[in-house]
Amino acid sequence: MPTYSTTARADLLDPSKAGLRTISFVYRDWRDIIRVLLIDSDRTHAEALCAGLHDLGMSVRRAHSREAGLEALRVDTDDFDLVIINITQGEDSWIAFVRILLDLIRSRSHVPPALLCTTIIPRKTEFEIALHHLGVSLAYEW
């Protein structure tokens, strides 16, 4: 069985030997490239969320309605790494909207963005399972 010296292992863990300047440099670059589309009709909520995401170094574009969100994705599907949808407003057909959004993304994007729905309203288990089956995450805000 081969043995490895401590020096060899240390060489493998040295970022400069892998062509990296520093680990923090790589991490900072990774955060800077996150591009977010926020679909949120609640102005106050959207402004607060945008500010928080900007503080994390993310680029955020806000769509004020479902239609505006769909249009942003039609024009620039590959420009987003993450789509956040605030589903707090009303109960009407969010699953249907998410399906339309996913169909649009799949038809136009080579690397589809992740989807995250946010809400403060407790949702039925069936709703949560339906989102899960679509590959969409749900986060409750308190």
C-alpha atoms as a PDB file:
ATOM      1  CA  MET A   1       0.000   0.000   0.000  1.00  0.00           C
ATOM      2  CA  PRO A   2       1.446   3.434  -0.910  1.00  0.00           C
ATOM      3  CA  THR A   3       2.311   5.858   1.850  1.00  0.00           C
ATOM      4  CA  TYR A   4       2.214   9.616   1.687  1.00  0.00           C
ATOM      5  CA  SER A   5       4.506  11.984   3.453  1.00  0.00           C
ATOM      6  CA  THR A   6       3.220  14.930   5.434  1.00  0.00           C
ATOM      7  CA  THR A   7       5.023  17.208   2.994  1.00  0.00           C
ATOM      8  CA  ALA A   8       3.170  15.747   0.021  1.00  0.00           C
ATOM      9  CA  ARG A   9      -0.185  16.252   1.721  1.00  0.00           C
ATOM     10  CA  ALA A  10       0.693  19.803   2.668  1.00  0.00           C
ATOM     11  CA  ASP A  11       1.593  20.470  -0.993  1.00  0.00           C
ATOM     12  CA  LEU A  12      -1.829  19.226  -2.074  1.00  0.00           C
ATOM     13  CA  LEU A  13      -3.541  21.621   0.334  1.00  0.00           C
ATOM     14  CA  ASP A  14      -1.476  24.662  -0.642  1.00  0.00           C
ATOM     15  CA  PRO A  15      -3.751  26.998  -2.701  1.00  0.00           C
ATOM     16  CA  SER A  16      -0.766  28.633  -4.420  1.00  0.00           C
ATOM     17  CA  LYS A  17       0.257  25.253  -5.885  1.00  0.00           C
ATOM     18  CA  ALA A  18      -3.238  24.888  -7.386  1.00  0.00           C
ATOM     19  CA  GLY A  19      -2.961  28.216  -9.178  1.00  0.00           C
ATOM     20  CA  LEU A  20      -5.102  30.081  -6.631  1.00  0.00           C
ATOM     21  CA  ARG A  21      -4.028  33.310  -4.995  1.00  0.00           C
ATOM     22  CA  THR A  22      -5.930  32.863  -1.740  1.00  0.00           C
ATOM     23  CA  ILE A  23      -9.032  31.043  -0.631  1.00  0.00           C
ATOM     24  CA  SER A  24     -10.742  34.325   0.336  1.00  0.00           C
ATOM     25  CA  PHE A  25     -10.157  35.652  -3.186  1.00  0.00           C
ATOM     26  CA  VAL A  26     -11.927  32.649  -4.701  1.00  0.00           C
ATOM     27  CA  TYR A  27     -14.811  32.947  -2.219  1.00  0.00           C
ATOM     28  CA  ARG A  28     -15.248  36.672  -2.858  1.00  0.00           C
ATOM     29  CA  ASP A  29     -15.386  36.111  -6.616  1.00  0.00           C
ATOM     30  CA  TRP A  30     -17.981  33.361  -6.171  1.00  0.00           C
ATOM     31  CA  ARG A  31     -20.292  35.658  -4.179  1.00  0.00           C
ATOM     32  CA  ASP A  32     -19.954  38.508  -6.651  1.00  0.00           C
ATOM     33  CA  ILE A  33     -21.265  36.478  -9.566  1.00  0.00           C
ATOM     34  CA  ILE A  34     -24.626  35.539  -8.013  1.00  0.00           C
ATOM     35  CA  ARG A  35     -27.296  37.206 -10.151  1.00  0.00           C
ATOM     36  CA  VAL A  36     -30.789  37.223  -8.681  1.00  0.00           C
ATOM     37  CA  LEU A  37     -34.195  37.915 -10.177  1.00  0.00           C
ATOM     38  CA  LEU A  38     -36.665  38.850  -7.452  1.00  0.00           C
ATOM     39  CA  ILE A  39     -40.349  38.565  -8.377  1.00  0.00           C
ATOM     40  CA  ASP A  40     -42.192  40.445  -5.650  1.00  0.00           C
ATOM     41  CA  SER A  41     -45.210  42.750  -5.805  1.00  0.00           C
ATOM     42  CA  ASP A  42     -44.740  43.884  -2.171  1.00  0.00           C
ATOM     43  CA  ARG A  43     -42.572  47.000  -2.518  1.00  0.00           C
ATOM     44  CA  THR A  44     -41.460  47.225   1.129  1.00  0.00           C
ATOM     45  CA  HIS A  45     -40.549  43.549   1.307  1.00  0.00           C
ATOM     46  CA  ALA A  46     -38.735  43.665  -2.040  1.00  0.00           C
ATOM     47  CA  GLU A  47     -36.669  46.716  -1.064  1.00  0.00           C
ATOM     48  CA  ALA A  48     -35.602  45.085   2.210  1.00  0.00           C
ATOM     49  CA  LEU A  49     -34.710  41.803   0.515  1.00  0.00           C
ATOM     50  CA  CYS A  50     -32.827  43.601  -2.285  1.00  0.00           C
ATOM     51  CA  ALA A  51     -30.808  45.551   0.271  1.00  0.00           C
ATOM     52  CA  GLY A  52     -29.886  42.379   2.148  1.00  0.00           C
ATOM     53  CA  LEU A  53     -28.854  40.564  -1.018  1.00  0.00           C
ATOM     54  CA  HIS A  54     -26.818  43.575  -2.189  1.00  0.00           C
ATOM     55  CA  ASP A  55     -25.057  43.581   1.193  1.00  0.00           C
ATOM     56  CA  LEU A  56     -24.017  40.003   0.460  1.00  0.00           C
ATOM     57  CA  GLY A  57     -22.488  41.166  -2.817  1.00  0.00           C
ATOM     58  CA  MET A  58     -25.235  39.846  -5.077  1.00  0.00           C
ATOM     59  CA  SER A  59     -26.655  41.572  -8.126  1.00  0.00           C
ATOM     60  CA  VAL A  60     -30.465  41.837  -7.928  1.00  0.00           C
ATOM     61  CA  ARG A  61     -33.040  42.761 -10.540  1.00  0.00           C
ATOM     62  CA  ARG A  62     -36.584  43.223  -9.294  1.00  0.00           C
ATOM     63  CA  ALA A  63     -39.755  42.365 -11.195  1.00  0.00           C
ATOM     64  CA  HIS A  64     -42.857  44.031  -9.742  1.00  0.00           C
ATOM     65  CA  SER A  65     -45.294  41.387 -11.010  1.00  0.00           C
ATOM     66  CA  ARG A  66     -45.514  37.852 -12.341  1.00  0.00           C
ATOM     67  CA  GLU A  67     -45.747  39.178 -15.891  1.00  0.00           C
ATOM     68  CA  ALA A  68     -42.659  41.363 -15.426  1.00  0.00           C
ATOM     69  CA  GLY A  69     -40.776  38.354 -14.032  1.00  0.00           C
ATOM     70  CA  LEU A  70     -41.708  36.226 -17.034  1.00  0.00           C
ATOM     71  CA  GLU A  71     -40.644  39.022 -19.388  1.00  0.00           C
ATOM     72  CA  ALA A  72     -37.267  39.395 -17.631  1.00  0.00           C
ATOM     73  CA  LEU A  73     -36.678  35.664 -18.091  1.00  0.00           C
ATOM     74  CA  ARG A  74     -37.787  35.748 -21.732  1.00  0.00           C
ATOM     75  CA  VAL A  75     -35.224  38.449 -22.475  1.00  0.00           C
ATOM     76  CA  ASP A  76     -32.330  37.298 -20.264  1.00  0.00           C
ATOM     77  CA  THR A  77     -32.882  33.717 -19.060  1.00  0.00           C
ATOM     78  CA  ASP A  78     -29.176  32.936 -18.729  1.00  0.00           C
ATOM     79  CA  ASP A  79     -28.525  36.165 -16.831  1.00  0.00           C
ATOM     80  CA  PHE A  80     -29.803  34.755 -13.526  1.00  0.00           C
ATOM     81  CA  ASP A  81     -28.384  32.229 -11.080  1.00  0.00           C
ATOM     82  CA  LEU A  82     -31.344  32.408  -8.703  1.00  0.00           C
ATOM     83  CA  VAL A  83     -35.001  33.381  -9.047  1.00  0.00           C
ATOM     84  CA  ILE A  84     -36.776  34.309  -5.814  1.00  0.00           C
ATOM     85  CA  ILE A  85     -40.575  34.488  -5.880  1.00  0.00           C
ATOM     86  CA  ASN A  86     -42.468  36.061  -2.983  1.00  0.00           C
ATOM     87  CA  ILE A  87     -45.659  33.989  -2.826  1.00  0.00           C
ATOM     88  CA  THR A  88     -47.075  35.721   0.234  1.00  0.00           C
ATOM     89  CA  GLN A  89     -49.691  37.665  -1.702  1.00  0.00           C
ATOM     90  CA  GLY A  90     -52.920  35.712  -2.139  1.00  0.00           C
ATOM     91  CA  GLU A  91     -53.579  32.026  -2.699  1.00  0.00           C
ATOM     92  CA  ASP A  92     -54.234  32.009  -6.414  1.00  0.00           C
ATOM     93  CA  SER A  93     -52.471  29.466  -8.628  1.00  0.00           C
ATOM     94  CA  TRP A  94     -48.860  29.791  -7.476  1.00  0.00           C
ATOM     95  CA  ILE A  95     -48.123  26.238  -8.547  1.00  0.00           C
ATOM     96  CA  ALA A  96     -49.440  26.998 -12.045  1.00  0.00           C
ATOM     97  CA  PHE A  97     -47.249  30.113 -12.215  1.00  0.00           C
ATOM     98  CA  VAL A  98     -44.173  28.185 -11.084  1.00  0.00           C
ATOM     99  CA  ARG A  99     -44.844  25.569 -13.795  1.00  0.00           C
ATOM    100  CA  ILE A 100     -45.069  28.307 -16.447  1.00  0.00           C
ATOM    101  CA  LEU A 101     -41.832  29.813 -15.113  1.00  0.00           C
ATOM    102  CA  LEU A 102     -40.062  26.442 -15.195  1.00  0.00           C
ATOM    103  CA  ASP A 103     -41.270  25.724 -18.747  1.00  0.00           C
ATOM    104  CA  LEU A 104     -39.926  29.080 -19.893  1.00  0.00           C
ATOM    105  CA  ILE A 105     -36.581  28.542 -18.148  1.00  0.00           C
ATOM    106  CA  ARG A 106     -36.160  25.013 -19.514  1.00  0.00           C
ATOM    107  CA  SER A 107     -36.926  26.125 -23.049  1.00  0.00           C
ATOM    108  CA  ARG A 108     -34.437  29.003 -23.041  1.00  0.00           C
ATOM    109  CA  SER A 109     -31.657  28.304 -20.568  1.00  0.00           C
ATOM    110  CA  HIS A 110     -28.557  26.146 -20.875  1.00  0.00           C
ATOM    111  CA  VAL A 111     -27.938  26.373 -17.125  1.00  0.00           C
ATOM    112  CA  PRO A 112     -31.257  26.947 -15.362  1.00  0.00           C
ATOM    113  CA  PRO A 113     -31.307  29.176 -12.292  1.00  0.00           C
ATOM    114  CA  ALA A 114     -32.321  27.801  -8.915  1.00  0.00           C
ATOM    115  CA  LEU A 115     -35.848  28.726  -7.807  1.00  0.00           C
ATOM    116  CA  LEU A 116     -36.784  29.761  -4.278  1.00  0.00           C
ATOM    117  CA  CYS A 117     -40.270  30.710  -3.091  1.00  0.00           C
ATOM    118  CA  THR A 118     -40.623  32.794   0.058  1.00  0.00           C
ATOM    119  CA  THR A 119     -43.709  33.369   2.194  1.00  0.00           C
ATOM    120  CA  ILE A 120     -44.867  34.373   5.653  1.00  0.00           C
ATOM    121  CA  ILE A 121     -48.182  32.551   5.235  1.00  0.00           C
ATOM    122  CA  PRO A 122     -48.268  28.938   6.439  1.00  0.00           C
ATOM    123  CA  ARG A 123     -48.957  26.708   3.432  1.00  0.00           C
ATOM    124  CA  LYS A 124     -50.644  23.332   3.223  1.00  0.00           C
ATOM    125  CA  THR A 125     -48.416  20.284   3.125  1.00  0.00           C
ATOM    126  CA  GLU A 126     -49.740  19.443  -0.357  1.00  0.00           C
ATOM    127  CA  PHE A 127     -48.514  22.832  -1.601  1.00  0.00           C
ATOM    128  CA  GLU A 128     -45.050  22.276  -0.137  1.00  0.00           C
ATOM    129  CA  ILE A 129     -44.866  18.785  -1.657  1.00  0.00           C
ATOM    130  CA  ALA A 130     -45.962  20.102  -5.067  1.00  0.00           C
ATOM    131  CA  LEU A 131     -43.153  22.683  -5.023  1.00  0.00           C
ATOM    132  CA  HIS A 132     -40.677  20.017  -3.925  1.00  0.00           C
ATOM    133  CA  HIS A 133     -41.685  17.751  -6.817  1.00  0.00           C
ATOM    134  CA  LEU A 134     -41.060  20.649  -9.186  1.00  0.00           C
ATOM    135  CA  GLY A 135     -37.559  21.091  -7.737  1.00  0.00           C
ATOM    136  CA  VAL A 136     -38.397  24.415  -6.098  1.00  0.00           C
ATOM    137  CA  SER A 137     -37.371  25.318  -2.546  1.00  0.00           C
ATOM    138  CA  LEU A 138     -39.721  27.029  -0.094  1.00  0.00           C
ATOM    139  CA  ALA A 139     -38.525  29.292   2.723  1.00  0.00           C
ATOM    140  CA  TYR A 140     -40.754  30.679   5.452  1.00  0.00           C
ATOM    141  CA  GLU A 141     -39.907  34.189   6.620  1.00  0.00           C
ATOM    142  CA  TRP A 142     -40.697  35.140  10.197  1.00  0.00           C
END
